[in-house]
C-alpha atoms as a PDB file:
ATOM      1  CA  UNK A   1       0.000   0.000   0.000  1.00  0.00           C
ATOM      2  CA  UNK A   2       1.427   3.427  -0.887  1.00  0.00           C
ATOM      3  CA  UNK A   3       2.720   5.415   2.067  1.00  0.00           C
ATOM      4  CA  UNK A   4       0.251   8.302   1.630  1.00  0.00           C
ATOM      5  CA  UNK A   5      -2.712   5.945   1.606  1.00  0.00           C
ATOM      6  CA  UNK A   6      -1.415   4.213   4.741  1.00  0.00           C
ATOM      7  CA  UNK A   7      -1.077   7.545   6.556  1.00  0.00           C
ATOM      8  CA  UNK A   8      -4.542   8.705   5.475  1.00  0.00           C
ATOM      9  CA  UNK A   9      -6.084   5.429   6.679  1.00  0.00           C
ATOM     10  CA  UNK A  10      -4.396   5.826  10.085  1.00  0.00           C
ATOM     11  CA  UNK A  11      -5.727   9.372  10.417  1.00  0.00           C
ATOM     12  CA  UNK A  12      -9.194   8.298   9.323  1.00  0.00           C
ATOM     13  CA  UNK A  13      -9.250   5.486  11.880  1.00  0.00           C
ATOM     14  CA  UNK A  14      -7.799   7.522  14.746  1.00  0.00           C
ATOM     15  CA  UNK A  15     -10.190   7.722  17.661  1.00  0.00           C
ATOM     16  CA  UNK A  16     -10.913  11.120  19.162  1.00  0.00           C
ATOM     17  CA  UNK A  17     -12.865  12.378  22.129  1.00  0.00           C
ATOM     18  CA  UNK A  18     -14.252  15.909  22.199  1.00  0.00           C
ATOM     19  CA  UNK A  19     -14.841  17.643  25.527  1.00  0.00           C
ATOM     20  CA  UNK A  20     -16.696  20.951  25.678  1.00  0.00           C
ATOM     21  CA  UNK A  21     -17.439  22.823  28.871  1.00  0.00           C
ATOM     22  CA  UNK A  22     -17.460  26.376  30.251  1.00  0.00           C
ATOM     23  CA  UNK A  23     -13.639  26.392  30.182  1.00  0.00           C
ATOM     24  CA  UNK A  24     -13.323  25.680  26.445  1.00  0.00           C
ATOM     25  CA  UNK A  25     -12.810  22.676  24.210  1.00  0.00           C
ATOM     26  CA  UNK A  26     -10.412  19.733  24.417  1.00  0.00           C
ATOM     27  CA  UNK A  27      -9.850  17.181  21.677  1.00  0.00           C
ATOM     28  CA  UNK A  28      -8.148  14.014  22.867  1.00  0.00           C
ATOM     29  CA  UNK A  29      -6.518  11.786  20.252  1.00  0.00           C
ATOM     30  CA  UNK A  30      -5.934   8.071  20.776  1.00  0.00           C
ATOM     31  CA  UNK A  31      -2.155   8.524  20.441  1.00  0.00           C
ATOM     32  CA  UNK A  32      -2.138  10.685  23.615  1.00  0.00           C
ATOM     33  CA  UNK A  33      -2.106  14.103  21.929  1.00  0.00           C
ATOM     34  CA  UNK A  34      -4.562  16.693  23.218  1.00  0.00           C
ATOM     35  CA  UNK A  35      -5.492  20.097  21.817  1.00  0.00           C
ATOM     36  CA  UNK A  36      -7.252  22.595  24.069  1.00  0.00           C
ATOM     37  CA  UNK A  37      -8.806  25.818  22.782  1.00  0.00           C
ATOM     38  CA  UNK A  38     -10.763  28.590  24.404  1.00  0.00           C
ATOM     39  CA  UNK A  39     -10.988  32.222  25.354  1.00  0.00           C
ATOM     40  CA  UNK A  40     -10.203  34.216  28.442  1.00  0.00           C
ATOM     41  CA  UNK A  41     -10.451  37.779  29.568  1.00  0.00           C
ATOM     42  CA  UNK A  42      -7.909  40.212  30.991  1.00  0.00           C
ATOM     43  CA  UNK A  43      -9.782  42.620  33.232  1.00  0.00           C
ATOM     44  CA  UNK A  44      -9.084  46.338  32.887  1.00  0.00           C
ATOM     45  CA  UNK A  45      -5.793  47.331  34.522  1.00  0.00           C
ATOM     46  CA  UNK A  46      -4.776  43.683  35.063  1.00  0.00           C
ATOM     47  CA  UNK A  47      -1.853  42.281  33.091  1.00  0.00           C
ATOM     48  CA  UNK A  48      -3.027  38.718  32.590  1.00  0.00           C
ATOM     49  CA  UNK A  49      -5.907  36.318  32.068  1.00  0.00           C
ATOM     50  CA  UNK A  50      -6.013  33.111  34.083  1.00  0.00           C
ATOM     51  CA  UNK A  51      -6.855  30.150  31.839  1.00  0.00           C
ATOM     52  CA  UNK A  52      -8.130  26.808  33.144  1.00  0.00           C
ATOM     53  CA  UNK A  53      -8.205  24.165  30.439  1.00  0.00           C
ATOM     54  CA  UNK A  54     -11.292  22.127  29.530  1.00  0.00           C
ATOM     55  CA  UNK A  55      -9.318  18.985  30.396  1.00  0.00           C
ATOM     56  CA  UNK A  56      -6.041  18.400  32.247  1.00  0.00           C
ATOM     57  CA  UNK A  57      -2.794  17.724  30.437  1.00  0.00           C
ATOM     58  CA  UNK A  58      -0.650  14.914  31.841  1.00  0.00           C
ATOM     59  CA  UNK A  59       2.045  17.473  32.820  1.00  0.00           C
ATOM     60  CA  UNK A  60       3.012  21.074  32.102  1.00  0.00           C
ATOM     61  CA  UNK A  61       5.079  20.146  29.063  1.00  0.00           C
ATOM     62  CA  UNK A  62       2.630  21.620  26.548  1.00  0.00           C
ATOM     63  CA  UNK A  63       2.965  24.433  24.058  1.00  0.00           C
ATOM     64  CA  UNK A  64       0.542  27.318  23.895  1.00  0.00           C
ATOM     65  CA  UNK A  65      -0.087  30.188  21.530  1.00  0.00           C
ATOM     66  CA  UNK A  66      -2.454  33.065  22.164  1.00  0.00           C
ATOM     67  CA  UNK A  67      -3.664  36.266  20.603  1.00  0.00           C
ATOM     68  CA  UNK A  68      -6.201  38.960  21.242  1.00  0.00           C
ATOM     69  CA  UNK A  69      -9.735  38.220  20.200  1.00  0.00           C
ATOM     70  CA  UNK A  70     -10.950  41.399  18.584  1.00  0.00           C
ATOM     71  CA  UNK A  71     -14.298  42.789  19.655  1.00  0.00           C
ATOM     72  CA  UNK A  72     -15.523  46.124  18.433  1.00  0.00           C
ATOM     73  CA  UNK A  73     -16.734  48.860  20.699  1.00  0.00           C
ATOM     74  CA  UNK A  74     -15.055  51.198  23.123  1.00  0.00           C
ATOM     75  CA  UNK A  75     -15.691  48.897  26.101  1.00  0.00           C
ATOM     76  CA  UNK A  76     -13.251  46.390  24.615  1.00  0.00           C
ATOM     77  CA  UNK A  77     -10.633  48.779  23.327  1.00  0.00           C
ATOM     78  CA  UNK A  78     -11.776  48.516  19.720  1.00  0.00           C
ATOM     79  CA  UNK A  79      -8.954  48.357  17.200  1.00  0.00           C
ATOM     80  CA  UNK A  80      -6.330  49.209  19.834  1.00  0.00           C
ATOM     81  CA  UNK A  81      -6.441  45.541  20.852  1.00  0.00           C
ATOM     82  CA  UNK A  82      -4.568  44.787  17.677  1.00  0.00           C
ATOM     83  CA  UNK A  83      -1.580  46.675  19.086  1.00  0.00           C
ATOM     84  CA  UNK A  84      -1.410  44.589  22.260  1.00  0.00           C
ATOM     85  CA  UNK A  85       1.282  42.024  22.966  1.00  0.00           C
ATOM     86  CA  UNK A  86       0.120  38.597  24.134  1.00  0.00           C
ATOM     87  CA  UNK A  87       2.427  36.186  25.941  1.00  0.00           C
ATOM     88  CA  UNK A  88       1.198  32.809  27.285  1.00  0.00           C
ATOM     89  CA  UNK A  89       2.904  31.119  30.234  1.00  0.00           C
ATOM     90  CA  UNK A  90       2.371  27.535  31.345  1.00  0.00           C
ATOM     91  CA  UNK A  91       1.783  27.179  35.094  1.00  0.00           C
ATOM     92  CA  UNK A  92       0.810  23.540  35.616  1.00  0.00           C
ATOM     93  CA  UNK A  93      -1.173  20.822  33.846  1.00  0.00           C
ATOM     94  CA  UNK A  94      -4.518  22.583  34.392  1.00  0.00           C
ATOM     95  CA  UNK A  95      -3.662  26.288  34.403  1.00  0.00           C
ATOM     96  CA  UNK A  96      -1.880  28.906  32.313  1.00  0.00           C
ATOM     97  CA  UNK A  97      -1.615  32.684  32.263  1.00  0.00           C
ATOM     98  CA  UNK A  98      -1.879  34.827  29.186  1.00  0.00           C
ATOM     99  CA  UNK A  99      -0.119  38.112  29.777  1.00  0.00           C
ATOM    100  CA  UNK A 100      -1.439  41.070  27.843  1.00  0.00           C
ATOM    101  CA  UNK A 101       0.317  44.416  27.513  1.00  0.00           C
ATOM    102  CA  UNK A 102       0.039  47.340  25.164  1.00  0.00           C
ATOM    103  CA  UNK A 103       2.761  47.975  22.606  1.00  0.00           C
ATOM    104  CA  UNK A 104       4.452  50.447  24.979  1.00  0.00           C
ATOM    105  CA  UNK A 105       4.638  47.855  27.788  1.00  0.00           C
ATOM    106  CA  UNK A 106       1.846  49.343  29.888  1.00  0.00           C
ATOM    107  CA  UNK A 107      -1.244  47.477  31.075  1.00  0.00           C
ATOM    108  CA  UNK A 108      -4.362  48.466  29.168  1.00  0.00           C
ATOM    109  CA  UNK A 109      -7.154  50.151  31.149  1.00  0.00           C
ATOM    110  CA  UNK A 110      -9.855  48.251  29.274  1.00  0.00           C
ATOM    111  CA  UNK A 111     -10.941  44.614  29.113  1.00  0.00           C
ATOM    112  CA  UNK A 112      -9.031  42.454  26.613  1.00  0.00           C
ATOM    113  CA  UNK A 113     -10.347  39.153  25.336  1.00  0.00           C
ATOM    114  CA  UNK A 114      -7.741  36.547  24.443  1.00  0.00           C
ATOM    115  CA  UNK A 115      -7.998  33.247  22.631  1.00  0.00           C
ATOM    116  CA  UNK A 116      -5.574  30.343  22.825  1.00  0.00           C
ATOM    117  CA  UNK A 117      -4.559  26.945  21.506  1.00  0.00           C
ATOM    118  CA  UNK A 118      -2.562  24.574  23.730  1.00  0.00           C
ATOM    119  CA  UNK A 119      -1.123  21.278  22.498  1.00  0.00           C
ATOM    120  CA  UNK A 120       0.292  18.575  24.742  1.00  0.00           C
ATOM    121  CA  UNK A 121      -0.355  15.068  26.049  1.00  0.00           C
ATOM    122  CA  UNK A 122      -3.261  13.648  27.994  1.00  0.00           C
ATOM    123  CA  UNK A 123      -1.701  10.190  28.495  1.00  0.00           C
END
């Protein structure tokens, strides 16, 4: 069997479990990989959002990317959110922080919504 067809068959037959709750979404793959996604919120004048994942990773050896989730309107900073810097930090297997600062290094005085993707292992 050609290699590409073998790979596609393995992907097609891979079992997944999808978990959705108030914390976000987790997709668990049968090979032990897990992808968690969701959103969080940095309150006004606070430099970070505390993120609790929809499902626990096996350890804190996961990778995470985050960015600002744009919402229009002055209550959310409007287009100025696009100038913010977002920096995720792993804390443990259930929790991470997403730090959010303005381009000049200050903490914004308005609410910032952030979205993230974290990839690691569940087994």
